[in-house]
Amino acid sequence: MIVLNTSSDEQTFTVIPRFEPTATITITFFSEQQNKQTHSFTDDTPNYSNGYLTIANTYDPALVDQNKYVVEIKETGVLCWRGKCFVTDQTDLPKFTINEGVYDEPTQSSNEFIII
């Protein structure tokens, strides 16, 4: 899964495509929450090296924090790669939890139970 942030600066992500793109590619973002296409851009010179495709772009309008997107990369209408993207401004990703503050663990525990 790709992890991006809401910054207006250039952001880069790397994927392993199904084939090496040699022409212009189109990258499209579909919001899972809004159920519609939100971003689309083209790259005339895709950066493909050692089996990896690197995409660099600035997103205007900015990506929405805590949203999930389906990302499709196509070359002349042929699907080259499809995957998911999550947007967060949190920087400590190894400790990131989507359930932060949602679940409260009980403070007391008892080994008692009732037999009926």
N, C-alpha and C. Protein backbone atom coordinates (compact mmCIF):
# COMPACT_ATOMS: atom_id res chain seq x y z
N MET A 1 0.85 -1.17 0.00
CA MET A 1 0.00 0.00 0.00
C MET A 1 0.89 1.23 0.00
N ILE A 2 0.51 2.20 -0.81
CA ILE A 2 1.22 3.46 -0.89
C ILE A 2 0.75 4.36 0.25
N VAL A 3 1.67 5.06 0.89
CA VAL A 3 1.31 6.02 1.93
C VAL A 3 1.80 7.40 1.48
N LEU A 4 0.84 8.32 1.33
CA LEU A 4 1.15 9.69 0.96
C LEU A 4 0.64 10.63 2.04
N ASN A 5 0.93 11.93 1.90
CA ASN A 5 0.43 12.90 2.87
C ASN A 5 -0.30 14.03 2.14
N THR A 6 -0.81 14.99 2.89
CA THR A 6 -1.61 16.07 2.31
C THR A 6 -0.77 17.26 1.85
N SER A 7 0.51 17.12 1.83
CA SER A 7 1.41 18.22 1.46
C SER A 7 1.22 18.63 0.00
N SER A 8 1.48 19.89 -0.28
CA SER A 8 1.42 20.37 -1.67
C SER A 8 2.79 20.24 -2.35
N ASP A 9 3.78 19.73 -1.63
CA ASP A 9 5.10 19.49 -2.20
C ASP A 9 5.06 18.23 -3.07
N GLU A 10 6.10 18.06 -3.88
CA GLU A 10 6.18 16.87 -4.71
C GLU A 10 6.36 15.62 -3.84
N GLN A 11 5.58 14.60 -4.16
CA GLN A 11 5.66 13.33 -3.43
C GLN A 11 5.98 12.22 -4.42
N THR A 12 6.73 11.23 -3.97
CA THR A 12 7.18 10.14 -4.82
C THR A 12 6.75 8.81 -4.23
N PHE A 13 6.32 7.90 -5.11
CA PHE A 13 6.05 6.52 -4.69
C PHE A 13 6.54 5.58 -5.77
N THR A 14 6.83 4.35 -5.38
CA THR A 14 7.39 3.36 -6.28
C THR A 14 6.50 2.13 -6.30
N VAL A 15 6.27 1.57 -7.48
CA VAL A 15 5.45 0.37 -7.64
C VAL A 15 6.17 -0.62 -8.56
N ILE A 16 5.69 -1.85 -8.55
CA ILE A 16 6.20 -2.87 -9.46
C ILE A 16 5.10 -3.11 -10.50
N PRO A 17 5.25 -2.58 -11.72
CA PRO A 17 4.19 -2.69 -12.72
C PRO A 17 4.16 -4.08 -13.36
N ARG A 18 3.06 -4.33 -14.07
CA ARG A 18 2.89 -5.61 -14.78
C ARG A 18 3.82 -5.72 -15.98
N PHE A 19 4.14 -4.58 -16.58
CA PHE A 19 5.05 -4.54 -17.72
C PHE A 19 5.76 -3.19 -17.73
N GLU A 20 6.82 -3.08 -18.51
CA GLU A 20 7.57 -1.82 -18.58
C GLU A 20 6.85 -0.83 -19.49
N PRO A 21 6.41 0.29 -18.94
CA PRO A 21 5.76 1.29 -19.80
C PRO A 21 6.80 2.02 -20.65
N THR A 22 6.50 2.18 -21.93
CA THR A 22 7.43 2.85 -22.84
C THR A 22 6.84 4.13 -23.39
N ALA A 23 5.55 4.36 -23.21
CA ALA A 23 4.89 5.57 -23.71
C ALA A 23 4.34 6.35 -22.53
N THR A 24 3.51 7.34 -22.82
CA THR A 24 2.89 8.17 -21.78
C THR A 24 1.96 7.32 -20.92
N ILE A 25 2.07 7.51 -19.60
CA ILE A 25 1.19 6.78 -18.68
C ILE A 25 0.23 7.76 -18.02
N THR A 26 -0.93 7.25 -17.63
CA THR A 26 -1.95 8.03 -16.94
C THR A 26 -2.12 7.45 -15.55
N ILE A 27 -2.03 8.28 -14.52
CA ILE A 27 -2.20 7.85 -13.13
C ILE A 27 -3.52 8.46 -12.64
N THR A 28 -4.41 7.60 -12.13
CA THR A 28 -5.73 8.05 -11.70
C THR A 28 -5.97 7.62 -10.26
N PHE A 29 -6.50 8.53 -9.45
CA PHE A 29 -6.86 8.26 -8.06
C PHE A 29 -8.38 8.26 -7.93
N PHE A 30 -8.93 7.17 -7.36
CA PHE A 30 -10.35 7.06 -7.08
C PHE A 30 -10.53 7.03 -5.57
N SER A 31 -11.33 7.94 -5.03
CA SER A 31 -11.57 7.97 -3.59
C SER A 31 -12.55 6.87 -3.21
N GLU A 32 -12.19 6.03 -2.22
CA GLU A 32 -13.10 4.99 -1.75
C GLU A 32 -14.25 5.57 -0.94
N GLN A 33 -14.02 6.68 -0.22
CA GLN A 33 -15.06 7.29 0.60
C GLN A 33 -16.08 8.02 -0.27
N GLN A 34 -15.61 8.74 -1.29
CA GLN A 34 -16.50 9.52 -2.15
C GLN A 34 -17.01 8.72 -3.34
N ASN A 35 -16.38 7.58 -3.62
CA ASN A 35 -16.75 6.70 -4.72
C ASN A 35 -16.71 7.44 -6.07
N LYS A 36 -15.64 8.21 -6.28
CA LYS A 36 -15.47 8.91 -7.54
C LYS A 36 -13.99 9.20 -7.79
N GLN A 37 -13.68 9.54 -9.05
CA GLN A 37 -12.31 9.91 -9.41
C GLN A 37 -12.01 11.29 -8.87
N THR A 38 -10.87 11.43 -8.19
CA THR A 38 -10.52 12.71 -7.59
C THR A 38 -9.28 13.36 -8.23
N HIS A 39 -8.33 12.57 -8.69
CA HIS A 39 -7.10 13.10 -9.27
C HIS A 39 -6.73 12.27 -10.50
N SER A 40 -6.19 12.93 -11.51
CA SER A 40 -5.69 12.24 -12.69
C SER A 40 -4.59 13.10 -13.30
N PHE A 41 -3.49 12.48 -13.67
CA PHE A 41 -2.40 13.19 -14.32
C PHE A 41 -1.64 12.24 -15.23
N THR A 42 -0.86 12.80 -16.14
CA THR A 42 -0.08 11.99 -17.07
C THR A 42 1.41 12.22 -16.82
N ASP A 43 2.18 11.23 -17.21
CA ASP A 43 3.63 11.29 -17.11
C ASP A 43 4.19 10.88 -18.47
N ASP A 44 4.83 11.83 -19.17
CA ASP A 44 5.33 11.56 -20.51
C ASP A 44 6.58 10.71 -20.52
N THR A 45 7.38 10.80 -19.46
CA THR A 45 8.63 10.04 -19.39
C THR A 45 8.64 9.24 -18.09
N PRO A 46 7.98 8.08 -18.06
CA PRO A 46 7.96 7.29 -16.83
C PRO A 46 9.37 6.83 -16.45
N ASN A 47 9.67 6.86 -15.15
CA ASN A 47 10.97 6.47 -14.63
C ASN A 47 10.91 4.99 -14.25
N TYR A 48 11.35 4.12 -15.15
CA TYR A 48 11.34 2.67 -14.93
C TYR A 48 12.77 2.18 -14.84
N SER A 49 13.10 1.51 -13.70
CA SER A 49 14.46 1.03 -13.51
C SER A 49 14.44 -0.22 -12.65
N ASN A 50 15.12 -1.28 -13.11
CA ASN A 50 15.27 -2.54 -12.38
C ASN A 50 13.93 -3.11 -11.93
N GLY A 51 12.90 -2.98 -12.76
CA GLY A 51 11.60 -3.56 -12.45
C GLY A 51 10.70 -2.68 -11.61
N TYR A 52 11.15 -1.48 -11.26
CA TYR A 52 10.36 -0.56 -10.44
C TYR A 52 9.98 0.67 -11.25
N LEU A 53 8.75 1.13 -11.06
CA LEU A 53 8.27 2.34 -11.69
C LEU A 53 8.11 3.40 -10.60
N THR A 54 8.81 4.52 -10.75
CA THR A 54 8.77 5.59 -9.77
C THR A 54 7.94 6.75 -10.31
N ILE A 55 6.95 7.16 -9.52
CA ILE A 55 6.05 8.25 -9.90
C ILE A 55 6.29 9.42 -8.95
N ALA A 56 6.48 10.61 -9.50
CA ALA A 56 6.64 11.83 -8.70
C ALA A 56 5.63 12.85 -9.19
N ASN A 57 4.88 13.44 -8.26
CA ASN A 57 3.86 14.40 -8.64
C ASN A 57 3.48 15.28 -7.46
N THR A 58 2.94 16.46 -7.76
CA THR A 58 2.31 17.30 -6.75
C THR A 58 0.80 17.17 -6.96
N TYR A 59 0.05 17.14 -5.89
CA TYR A 59 -1.38 16.89 -5.96
C TYR A 59 -2.15 18.18 -5.68
N ASP A 60 -2.89 18.64 -6.71
CA ASP A 60 -3.71 19.84 -6.56
C ASP A 60 -5.07 19.55 -7.16
N PRO A 61 -6.12 19.49 -6.41
CA PRO A 61 -6.21 19.79 -4.98
C PRO A 61 -5.50 18.73 -4.15
N ALA A 62 -5.19 19.09 -2.94
CA ALA A 62 -4.44 18.19 -2.06
C ALA A 62 -5.26 16.94 -1.74
N LEU A 63 -4.56 15.85 -1.49
CA LEU A 63 -5.22 14.62 -1.07
C LEU A 63 -5.83 14.82 0.32
N VAL A 64 -6.92 14.14 0.60
CA VAL A 64 -7.65 14.32 1.85
C VAL A 64 -7.08 13.41 2.93
N ASP A 65 -6.79 13.99 4.10
CA ASP A 65 -6.22 13.24 5.23
C ASP A 65 -7.17 12.13 5.68
N GLN A 66 -6.61 10.97 6.02
CA GLN A 66 -7.32 9.79 6.50
C GLN A 66 -8.24 9.19 5.44
N ASN A 67 -7.97 9.43 4.16
CA ASN A 67 -8.75 8.84 3.08
C ASN A 67 -7.97 7.71 2.42
N LYS A 68 -8.72 6.80 1.83
CA LYS A 68 -8.13 5.70 1.06
C LYS A 68 -8.48 5.91 -0.41
N TYR A 69 -7.53 5.60 -1.26
CA TYR A 69 -7.71 5.75 -2.70
C TYR A 69 -7.32 4.46 -3.40
N VAL A 70 -7.97 4.19 -4.53
CA VAL A 70 -7.54 3.14 -5.45
C VAL A 70 -6.77 3.86 -6.55
N VAL A 71 -5.55 3.41 -6.81
CA VAL A 71 -4.69 4.06 -7.80
C VAL A 71 -4.55 3.12 -9.00
N GLU A 72 -4.76 3.68 -10.19
CA GLU A 72 -4.57 2.92 -11.43
C GLU A 72 -3.56 3.64 -12.31
N ILE A 73 -2.63 2.85 -12.84
CA ILE A 73 -1.64 3.38 -13.79
C ILE A 73 -1.88 2.65 -15.10
N LYS A 74 -2.15 3.42 -16.16
CA LYS A 74 -2.43 2.84 -17.47
C LYS A 74 -1.51 3.44 -18.52
N GLU A 75 -1.17 2.60 -19.51
CA GLU A 75 -0.42 3.06 -20.67
C GLU A 75 -1.30 2.82 -21.89
N THR A 76 -1.71 3.88 -22.54
CA THR A 76 -2.61 3.84 -23.70
C THR A 76 -3.82 2.94 -23.45
N GLY A 77 -4.44 3.08 -22.27
CA GLY A 77 -5.65 2.33 -21.95
C GLY A 77 -5.43 0.94 -21.39
N VAL A 78 -4.20 0.45 -21.38
CA VAL A 78 -3.90 -0.89 -20.85
C VAL A 78 -3.43 -0.74 -19.41
N LEU A 79 -4.05 -1.52 -18.51
CA LEU A 79 -3.72 -1.43 -17.09
C LEU A 79 -2.30 -1.92 -16.84
N CYS A 80 -1.49 -1.05 -16.25
CA CYS A 80 -0.10 -1.35 -15.95
C CYS A 80 0.07 -1.72 -14.48
N TRP A 81 -0.71 -1.07 -13.61
CA TRP A 81 -0.65 -1.34 -12.17
C TRP A 81 -1.91 -0.82 -11.51
N ARG A 82 -2.39 -1.53 -10.50
CA ARG A 82 -3.52 -1.07 -9.68
C ARG A 82 -3.21 -1.42 -8.23
N GLY A 83 -3.48 -0.47 -7.34
CA GLY A 83 -3.23 -0.71 -5.92
C GLY A 83 -3.97 0.31 -5.08
N LYS A 84 -3.65 0.30 -3.78
CA LYS A 84 -4.32 1.21 -2.85
C LYS A 84 -3.33 2.21 -2.29
N CYS A 85 -3.90 3.34 -1.87
CA CYS A 85 -3.12 4.43 -1.29
C CYS A 85 -3.86 4.92 -0.06
N PHE A 86 -3.10 5.21 0.99
CA PHE A 86 -3.67 5.77 2.21
C PHE A 86 -2.98 7.10 2.47
N VAL A 87 -3.77 8.11 2.84
CA VAL A 87 -3.23 9.45 3.07
C VAL A 87 -3.26 9.75 4.56
N THR A 88 -2.10 10.09 5.11
CA THR A 88 -2.00 10.47 6.52
C THR A 88 -0.87 11.46 6.69
N ASP A 89 -1.04 12.36 7.63
CA ASP A 89 0.03 13.30 7.97
C ASP A 89 0.86 12.81 9.15
N GLN A 90 0.53 11.64 9.68
CA GLN A 90 1.29 11.08 10.79
C GLN A 90 2.66 10.65 10.26
N THR A 91 3.70 10.97 11.01
CA THR A 91 5.05 10.68 10.54
C THR A 91 5.64 9.41 11.13
N ASP A 92 5.14 8.95 12.26
CA ASP A 92 5.67 7.74 12.90
C ASP A 92 4.88 6.54 12.40
N LEU A 93 5.10 6.15 11.13
CA LEU A 93 4.28 5.12 10.50
C LEU A 93 4.38 3.73 11.14
N PRO A 94 5.54 3.29 11.65
CA PRO A 94 5.55 1.96 12.27
C PRO A 94 4.61 1.85 13.48
N LYS A 95 4.34 2.97 14.16
CA LYS A 95 3.46 2.94 15.32
C LYS A 95 2.06 3.43 14.99
N PHE A 96 1.76 3.66 13.71
CA PHE A 96 0.45 4.19 13.32
C PHE A 96 -0.64 3.15 13.53
N THR A 97 -1.75 3.58 14.08
CA THR A 97 -2.91 2.72 14.20
C THR A 97 -4.14 3.48 13.76
N ILE A 98 -4.96 2.86 12.94
CA ILE A 98 -6.17 3.51 12.45
C ILE A 98 -7.22 3.59 13.55
N ASN A 99 -7.05 2.80 14.62
CA ASN A 99 -8.01 2.76 15.72
C ASN A 99 -7.57 3.61 16.90
N GLU A 100 -6.70 4.57 16.68
CA GLU A 100 -6.19 5.41 17.76
C GLU A 100 -7.34 6.10 18.49
N GLY A 101 -7.47 5.84 19.80
CA GLY A 101 -8.48 6.49 20.61
C GLY A 101 -9.88 5.93 20.44
N VAL A 102 -10.06 4.86 19.66
CA VAL A 102 -11.39 4.31 19.42
C VAL A 102 -11.72 3.24 20.46
N TYR A 103 -10.75 2.41 20.79
CA TYR A 103 -10.98 1.30 21.71
C TYR A 103 -10.31 1.60 23.04
N ASP A 104 -11.07 1.50 24.12
CA ASP A 104 -10.52 1.66 25.46
C ASP A 104 -10.44 0.30 26.12
N GLU A 105 -9.25 -0.06 26.55
CA GLU A 105 -9.06 -1.34 27.20
C GLU A 105 -9.55 -1.26 28.63
N PRO A 106 -10.29 -2.28 29.10
CA PRO A 106 -10.78 -2.25 30.48
C PRO A 106 -9.62 -2.16 31.48
N THR A 107 -9.82 -1.41 32.54
CA THR A 107 -8.76 -1.26 33.53
C THR A 107 -8.77 -2.39 34.54
N GLN A 108 -9.92 -3.01 34.76
CA GLN A 108 -10.01 -4.12 35.71
C GLN A 108 -10.18 -5.42 34.95
N SER A 109 -9.65 -6.46 35.52
CA SER A 109 -9.91 -7.77 34.95
C SER A 109 -10.24 -8.73 36.08
N SER A 110 -11.17 -9.57 35.80
CA SER A 110 -11.61 -10.53 36.81
C SER A 110 -11.71 -11.89 36.15
N ASN A 111 -11.25 -12.89 36.84
CA ASN A 111 -11.33 -14.24 36.32
C ASN A 111 -12.62 -14.93 36.73
N GLU A 112 -13.56 -14.17 37.30
CA GLU A 112 -14.83 -14.75 37.73
C GLU A 112 -15.77 -14.92 36.55
N PHE A 113 -16.54 -15.98 36.58
CA PHE A 113 -17.56 -16.18 35.58
C PHE A 113 -18.75 -16.88 36.24
N ILE A 114 -19.88 -16.81 35.58
CA ILE A 114 -21.11 -17.36 36.14
C ILE A 114 -21.47 -18.61 35.37
N ILE A 115 -21.78 -19.67 36.10
CA ILE A 115 -22.24 -20.93 35.49
C ILE A 115 -23.75 -21.02 35.71
N ILE A 116 -24.49 -21.18 34.66
CA ILE A 116 -25.95 -21.29 34.77
C ILE A 116 -26.38 -22.71 34.55
